[in-house]
Protein backbone atom coordinates (compact mmCIF):
# COMPACT_ATOMS: atom_id res chain seq x y z
CA MET A 1 -21.37 9.91 16.03
CA ILE A 2 -19.81 11.19 12.80
CA ILE A 3 -19.49 8.47 10.16
CA ALA A 4 -17.19 9.17 7.22
CA ALA A 5 -15.51 7.22 4.45
CA ALA A 6 -11.87 7.94 3.51
CA ASP A 7 -10.13 6.78 0.37
CA GLY A 8 -7.09 7.39 -1.83
CA SER A 9 -6.22 6.97 -5.49
CA SER A 10 -3.05 6.93 -7.59
CA LEU A 11 -3.25 6.57 -11.36
CA SER A 12 0.17 5.00 -11.85
CA ASN A 13 1.11 4.28 -8.23
CA PRO A 14 3.21 6.32 -7.87
CA GLY A 15 1.80 8.98 -10.14
CA PRO A 16 -0.92 11.64 -10.05
CA ALA A 17 -2.61 10.95 -6.71
CA GLY A 18 -5.77 12.02 -4.94
CA TRP A 19 -7.52 11.56 -1.62
CA ALA A 20 -11.00 12.25 -0.31
CA TRP A 21 -13.26 11.82 2.67
CA TYR A 22 -17.03 11.78 2.44
CA ILE A 23 -19.84 12.23 4.96
CA SER A 24 -22.61 13.43 2.66
CA ASP A 25 -23.03 15.26 -0.64
CA ASP A 26 -22.84 18.50 1.35
CA ILE A 27 -19.92 17.53 3.59
CA TRP A 28 -16.80 16.17 1.90
CA ALA A 29 -13.30 17.20 0.91
CA ALA A 30 -10.64 16.15 -1.58
CA GLY A 31 -7.09 16.97 -2.62
CA GLY A 32 -3.93 15.35 -3.92
CA TRP A 33 -0.53 15.79 -5.53
CA PRO A 34 1.05 15.56 -8.97
CA HIS A 35 3.06 12.57 -7.75
CA GLY A 36 2.19 10.20 -4.93
CA THR A 37 1.10 6.66 -4.02
CA ASN A 38 -2.25 5.14 -3.25
CA ASN A 39 -1.27 4.55 0.38
CA MET A 40 -0.30 8.21 0.76
CA GLY A 41 -3.74 9.19 -0.49
CA GLU A 42 -5.43 6.81 1.95
CA LEU A 43 -3.46 8.25 4.86
CA MET A 44 -3.98 11.88 3.85
CA ALA A 45 -7.73 11.37 3.59
CA VAL A 46 -7.81 10.22 7.22
CA LEU A 47 -5.49 13.04 8.34
CA ASP A 48 -7.59 15.74 6.70
CA LEU A 49 -10.77 14.26 8.14
CA LEU A 50 -9.28 14.29 11.65
CA GLN A 51 -8.10 17.88 11.29
CA SER A 52 -11.37 19.05 9.78
CA THR A 53 -13.44 17.60 12.65
CA ALA A 54 -11.07 18.48 15.50
CA HIS A 55 -13.50 21.13 16.80
CA VAL A 56 -16.44 18.71 17.12
CA ASP A 57 -16.90 16.83 20.38
CA GLU A 58 -18.37 13.68 18.84
CA PRO A 59 -16.99 10.18 18.30
CA LEU A 60 -15.74 9.53 14.79
CA ARG A 61 -16.11 6.32 12.83
CA ILE A 62 -13.89 6.13 9.74
CA LEU A 63 -14.73 3.66 6.99
CA CYS A 64 -11.61 2.50 5.10
CA ASP A 65 -11.02 -0.11 2.42
CA SER A 66 -7.30 -0.13 3.28
CA GLN A 67 -6.24 -2.52 6.02
CA TYR A 68 -2.77 -1.01 5.67
CA VAL A 69 -4.15 2.26 7.04
CA ILE A 70 -6.24 0.63 9.76
CA ASN A 71 -3.43 -1.64 10.96
CA SER A 72 -0.88 1.18 10.81
CA LEU A 73 -2.96 3.47 13.02
CA THR A 74 -4.44 0.90 15.42
CA LYS A 75 -1.80 -1.85 15.72
CA TRP A 76 1.66 -1.02 14.44
CA MET A 77 2.17 2.64 15.36
CA PRO A 78 3.04 2.12 19.07
CA GLY A 79 5.84 -0.29 18.13
CA TRP A 80 7.12 2.02 15.39
CA LYS A 81 7.34 4.89 17.86
CA ARG A 82 9.20 2.79 20.44
CA ARG A 83 11.75 1.88 17.77
CA GLY A 84 12.20 5.46 16.59
CA TRP A 85 9.75 5.10 13.67
CA LYS A 86 11.37 1.90 12.44
CA LYS A 87 9.60 -1.30 11.45
CA GLY A 88 10.30 -4.62 13.11
CA ASP A 89 12.91 -5.44 10.46
CA GLY A 90 14.75 -2.18 11.22
CA LYS A 91 13.72 -0.46 7.99
CA PRO A 92 12.24 3.06 8.12
CA VAL A 93 8.46 3.29 8.28
CA LEU A 94 6.99 4.27 4.92
CA ASN A 95 5.15 7.60 4.74
CA VAL A 96 6.62 8.54 8.11
CA ASP A 97 5.79 12.27 7.81
CA LEU A 98 2.11 11.47 7.37
CA MET A 99 2.26 8.87 10.15
CA LYS A 100 3.66 11.41 12.60
CA GLU A 101 0.95 13.94 11.75
CA LEU A 102 -1.71 11.26 12.12
CA ASP A 103 -0.29 10.26 15.50
CA GLU A 104 -0.67 13.86 16.65
CA ALA A 105 -4.17 14.24 15.17
CA LEU A 106 -5.41 11.08 16.90
CA LYS A 107 -4.47 12.28 20.39
CA ASP A 108 -7.46 12.73 22.71
CA ARG A 109 -9.87 11.75 19.93
CA GLU A 110 -12.53 9.06 20.17
CA VAL A 111 -11.98 7.36 16.82
CA GLU A 112 -12.84 3.91 15.57
CA PHE A 113 -12.00 2.39 12.20
CA GLU A 114 -14.16 0.01 10.21
CA TRP A 115 -12.92 -1.93 7.20
CA VAL A 116 -15.19 -2.00 4.15
CA LYS A 117 -14.52 -3.84 0.94
CA GLY A 118 -13.54 -1.46 -1.83
CA HIS A 119 -15.30 -1.35 -5.20
CA ALA A 120 -18.12 -3.50 -3.83
CA GLY A 121 -21.03 -1.05 -3.97
CA HIS A 122 -20.68 0.50 -0.50
CA ALA A 123 -22.27 3.91 -1.11
CA MET A 124 -20.01 6.04 1.10
CA ASN A 125 -16.85 4.24 0.03
CA GLU A 126 -17.78 4.64 -3.62
CA ALA A 127 -18.43 8.36 -3.09
CA ALA A 128 -15.02 8.86 -1.47
CA ASP A 129 -13.32 6.76 -4.14
CA ALA A 130 -14.91 8.77 -6.96
CA ARG A 131 -13.78 12.07 -5.45
CA ALA A 132 -10.24 10.80 -4.78
CA ARG A 133 -9.93 9.56 -8.35
CA ALA A 134 -11.32 12.83 -9.71
CA ALA A 135 -8.62 14.71 -7.78
CA ALA A 136 -5.90 12.42 -9.19
CA GLU A 137 -7.25 12.89 -12.71
CA ALA A 138 -7.29 16.66 -12.23
CA TYR A 139 -3.59 16.61 -11.33
CA GLN A 140 -2.91 14.34 -14.30
CA GLN A 141 -4.66 16.79 -16.63
CA LYS A 142 -3.23 19.83 -14.83
CA GLN A 143 -6.70 21.08 -14.02
CA PRO A 144 -8.02 22.68 -10.79
CA VAL A 145 -9.05 20.19 -8.12
CA ASP A 146 -12.56 20.33 -6.67
CA ALA A 147 -11.66 20.46 -2.97
CA GLY A 148 -15.28 20.14 -1.82
CA PRO A 149 -17.19 22.10 0.81
CA GLY A 150 -15.25 20.67 3.76
CA PHE A 151 -16.67 20.26 7.26
CA PRO A 152 -19.00 23.01 8.64
CA ASP A 153 -17.45 25.64 10.88
CA SER A 154 -14.04 24.00 10.99
CA PRO A 155 -11.65 26.54 12.60
CA THR A 156 -8.56 24.58 11.65
CA GLN A 157 -6.58 24.78 8.46
CA PRO A 158 -6.79 21.24 7.16
CA ALA A 159 -4.04 19.42 5.33
CA ARG A 160 -5.54 20.06 1.89
CA GLN A 161 -4.91 23.81 2.34
CA GLN A 162 -1.28 23.41 3.39
CA GLU A 163 1.78 23.29 1.20
CA PHE A 164 2.28 19.63 1.98
CA THR A 165 4.75 18.11 -0.49
CA PRO A 166 5.26 14.35 -0.42
CA LYS A 167 8.87 13.46 0.29
CA ASN A 168 10.92 10.62 -1.15
CA VAL A 169 8.06 9.13 -3.13
CA ASP A 170 10.47 7.41 -5.50
CA GLU A 171 12.89 6.42 -2.76
CA GLU A 172 10.08 5.00 -0.60
CA PRO A 173 7.51 3.72 -3.10
CA ASP A 174 4.24 2.05 -2.33
CA LEU A 175 4.75 -1.65 -1.60
CA PHE A 176 3.25 -2.59 -4.92
CA SER A 177 4.85 0.01 -7.14
CA PHE A 178 8.37 -1.30 -7.59
CA ASP A 179 8.59 -0.37 -11.25
CA ALA A 180 11.54 1.51 -12.68
CA PRO A 181 13.70 1.55 -15.81
CA GLU A 182 15.90 -1.50 -15.93
CA GLU A 183 19.67 -1.38 -15.98
CA PRO A 184 21.41 -2.89 -19.02
CA GLN A 185 21.25 -6.68 -18.94
CA SER A 186 24.10 -8.58 -17.34
CA ALA A 187 26.68 -10.07 -19.69
CA THR A 188 25.84 -13.52 -18.29
CA PRO A 189 23.14 -15.11 -20.49
CA GLY A 190 19.95 -15.76 -18.56
CA SER A 191 21.03 -13.84 -15.48
CA ALA A 192 18.70 -11.04 -14.40
CA SER A 193 20.14 -7.55 -14.05
CA ALA A 194 21.28 -6.28 -10.66
CA ARG A 195 18.41 -3.81 -10.69
CA THR A 196 15.82 -6.55 -11.23
CA LYS A 197 17.36 -8.68 -8.49
CA ALA A 198 17.19 -5.76 -6.05
CA TRP A 199 13.52 -5.17 -6.83
CA LEU A 200 12.53 -8.80 -6.35
CA LEU A 201 14.50 -9.24 -3.14
CA ARG A 202 12.82 -6.15 -1.72
CA LEU A 203 9.40 -7.31 -2.88
CA THR A 204 9.88 -10.77 -1.39
CA GLY A 205 10.91 -9.28 1.93
CA GLU A 206 7.88 -7.01 1.98
CA LEU A 207 5.64 -9.90 0.91
CA LEU A 208 6.76 -11.78 4.01
CA SER A 209 6.32 -8.76 6.30
CA GLU A 210 3.63 -8.57 8.94
CA GLU A 211 2.02 -5.56 7.29
CA VAL A 212 1.33 -7.44 4.07
CA ARG A 213 0.70 -10.90 5.48
CA THR A 214 -2.13 -9.59 7.66
CA ASP A 215 -3.76 -7.59 4.87
CA PRO A 216 -5.43 -9.84 2.26
CA GLU A 217 -6.27 -6.92 0.00
CA GLN A 218 -2.67 -5.69 -0.21
CA LEU A 219 -1.39 -9.24 -0.64
CA LYS A 220 -3.82 -9.90 -3.49
CA ASP A 221 -2.85 -6.63 -5.15
CA LEU A 222 0.69 -7.94 -5.69
CA LEU A 223 -0.46 -11.14 -7.38
CA HIS A 224 -0.93 -11.60 -11.12
CA HIS A 225 -4.58 -12.05 -12.12
CA ASP A 226 -3.69 -15.60 -13.26
CA PHE A 227 -1.63 -16.36 -10.15
CA VAL A 228 -1.40 -19.98 -9.01
CA ALA A 229 0.84 -21.72 -6.47
CA HIS A 230 1.66 -25.32 -5.56
CA SER A 231 2.14 -26.04 -1.87
CA VAL A 232 4.63 -28.52 -0.44
CA ASP A 233 1.79 -31.03 -0.16
CA GLY A 234 0.69 -30.53 -3.77
CA GLU A 235 -2.29 -28.31 -2.98
CA VAL A 236 -3.13 -25.79 -5.70
CA ILE A 237 -3.55 -22.25 -4.35
CA THR A 238 -5.20 -19.49 -6.38
CA ARG A 239 -5.15 -15.72 -6.14
CA ASP A 240 -8.21 -15.73 -3.87
CA HIS A 241 -6.21 -17.57 -1.20
CA GLY A 242 -3.05 -15.45 -1.35
CA ALA A 243 0.54 -16.58 -1.64
CA TRP A 244 2.08 -17.06 1.80
CA GLU A 245 1.21 -18.38 5.21
CA PRO A 246 2.19 -16.25 8.25
CA THR A 247 5.93 -16.67 8.69
CA SER A 248 9.16 -14.67 9.00
CA GLN A 249 11.39 -12.72 6.62
CA ASP A 250 14.37 -15.06 7.06
CA PHE A 251 15.30 -16.20 3.55
CA ASP A 252 18.30 -16.59 1.23
CA VAL A 253 18.22 -16.29 -2.56
CA LEU A 254 19.85 -19.00 -4.65
CA SER A 255 19.39 -17.53 -8.12
CA VAL A 256 17.43 -14.94 -10.10
CA ASP A 257 17.15 -15.72 -13.81
CA GLU A 258 15.41 -13.84 -16.61
CA TYR A 259 13.73 -16.13 -19.15
CA ALA A 260 12.37 -13.36 -21.38
CA GLU A 261 12.01 -9.61 -21.09
CA GLY A 262 9.97 -8.93 -17.98
CA LEU A 263 9.68 -12.60 -16.93
CA VAL A 264 11.98 -13.56 -14.05
CA GLY A 265 12.27 -16.63 -11.86
CA MET A 266 13.77 -16.68 -8.37
CA ARG A 267 14.85 -19.75 -6.39
CA TRP A 268 15.22 -19.24 -2.66
CA ILE A 269 15.32 -20.96 0.72
CA HIS A 270 12.90 -19.98 3.46
CA HIS A 271 14.53 -20.87 6.77
CA ALA A 272 11.47 -20.33 8.96
CA ASP A 273 9.43 -23.16 7.44
CA GLY A 274 11.82 -26.09 7.76
CA GLU A 275 14.43 -25.12 5.17
CA ARG A 276 11.95 -25.47 2.33
CA LEU A 277 12.88 -24.51 -1.19
CA ARG A 278 10.69 -21.96 -2.92
CA TYR A 279 10.36 -20.84 -6.50
CA SER A 280 8.72 -17.56 -7.55
CA LEU A 281 7.94 -16.50 -11.11
CA TRP A 282 7.52 -12.73 -11.47
CA GLN A 283 6.16 -10.88 -14.47
CA LYS A 284 6.63 -7.17 -15.09
CA LEU A 285 3.36 -5.52 -16.15
CA PRO A 286 2.47 -1.83 -16.70
CA GLY A 287 1.38 -1.66 -13.06
CA GLY A 288 4.64 -3.12 -11.74
CA TRP A 289 6.00 -6.56 -10.87
CA LYS A 290 3.36 -9.23 -10.19
CA LEU A 291 3.86 -12.70 -8.79
CA ARG A 292 2.52 -15.15 -11.39
CA PHE A 293 3.52 -18.57 -10.02
CA ALA A 294 4.96 -19.97 -6.78
CA GLN A 295 5.98 -23.43 -5.67
CA VAL A 296 7.24 -24.90 -2.42
CA THR A 297 9.25 -28.14 -2.15
CA ARG A 298 11.07 -29.87 0.68
CA LYS A 299 14.83 -29.46 0.74
CA PRO A 300 16.57 -32.71 -0.26
């Protein structure tokens, strides 16, 4: 069995991005783009690994620290394909070009995925992470990328050697990269701009999606480092526990108000949990919007 780690990196997410897979110091590969997301890097690392080992008749175990990648390729892809590459909420699948290539590369392959915790000292994961970040930094500094030795005797032309240009990176950003110049503030004092409202509605919908709710690492990535929440029963929930219980995306927004620059509160009703009222306090940081505080109360 071939055992390999695959990882991605994006310095600004989206921004200069890299990807890498690693088997040993003599067998690894890396690449990237001037502009891409972390999830794109994670997916490309797996795609290149599959293409590079297509000539080898051995099972492949891929170590990933991204449950988004694992769930996409092992759970969600069949449903996306049945719906014409649409998610359950009818929205287009993110990174669909990469997903289609991965679907093709996985055919007739004996592949298993294993989740490993990132940045936790796992030797192979750390090696892949270092190479992916080095590729992203090379694009940032406009320096040549060390593509690595690749896989021995690979007759295919892997993805890193193709003119693969990410499409619609800004139009379809990473789930946790909703950061863009704000529109001028509304004339109504205290009211958030239309642009801010659009971001937070989209983020809330994604936060309630199956992809994020079943991936603790992605969920935690959206939360402020000082995040705290109060449940309907008064329980205090910290960042280590996440923000939401499994539920649906059926909600209506009551108001979105800006208290200070980059500090916005949203009041909304979540219909799936007994018409409960929710309050979310979002803060805009250099890495994007982060959920700082949440509270749930029963509707009067």
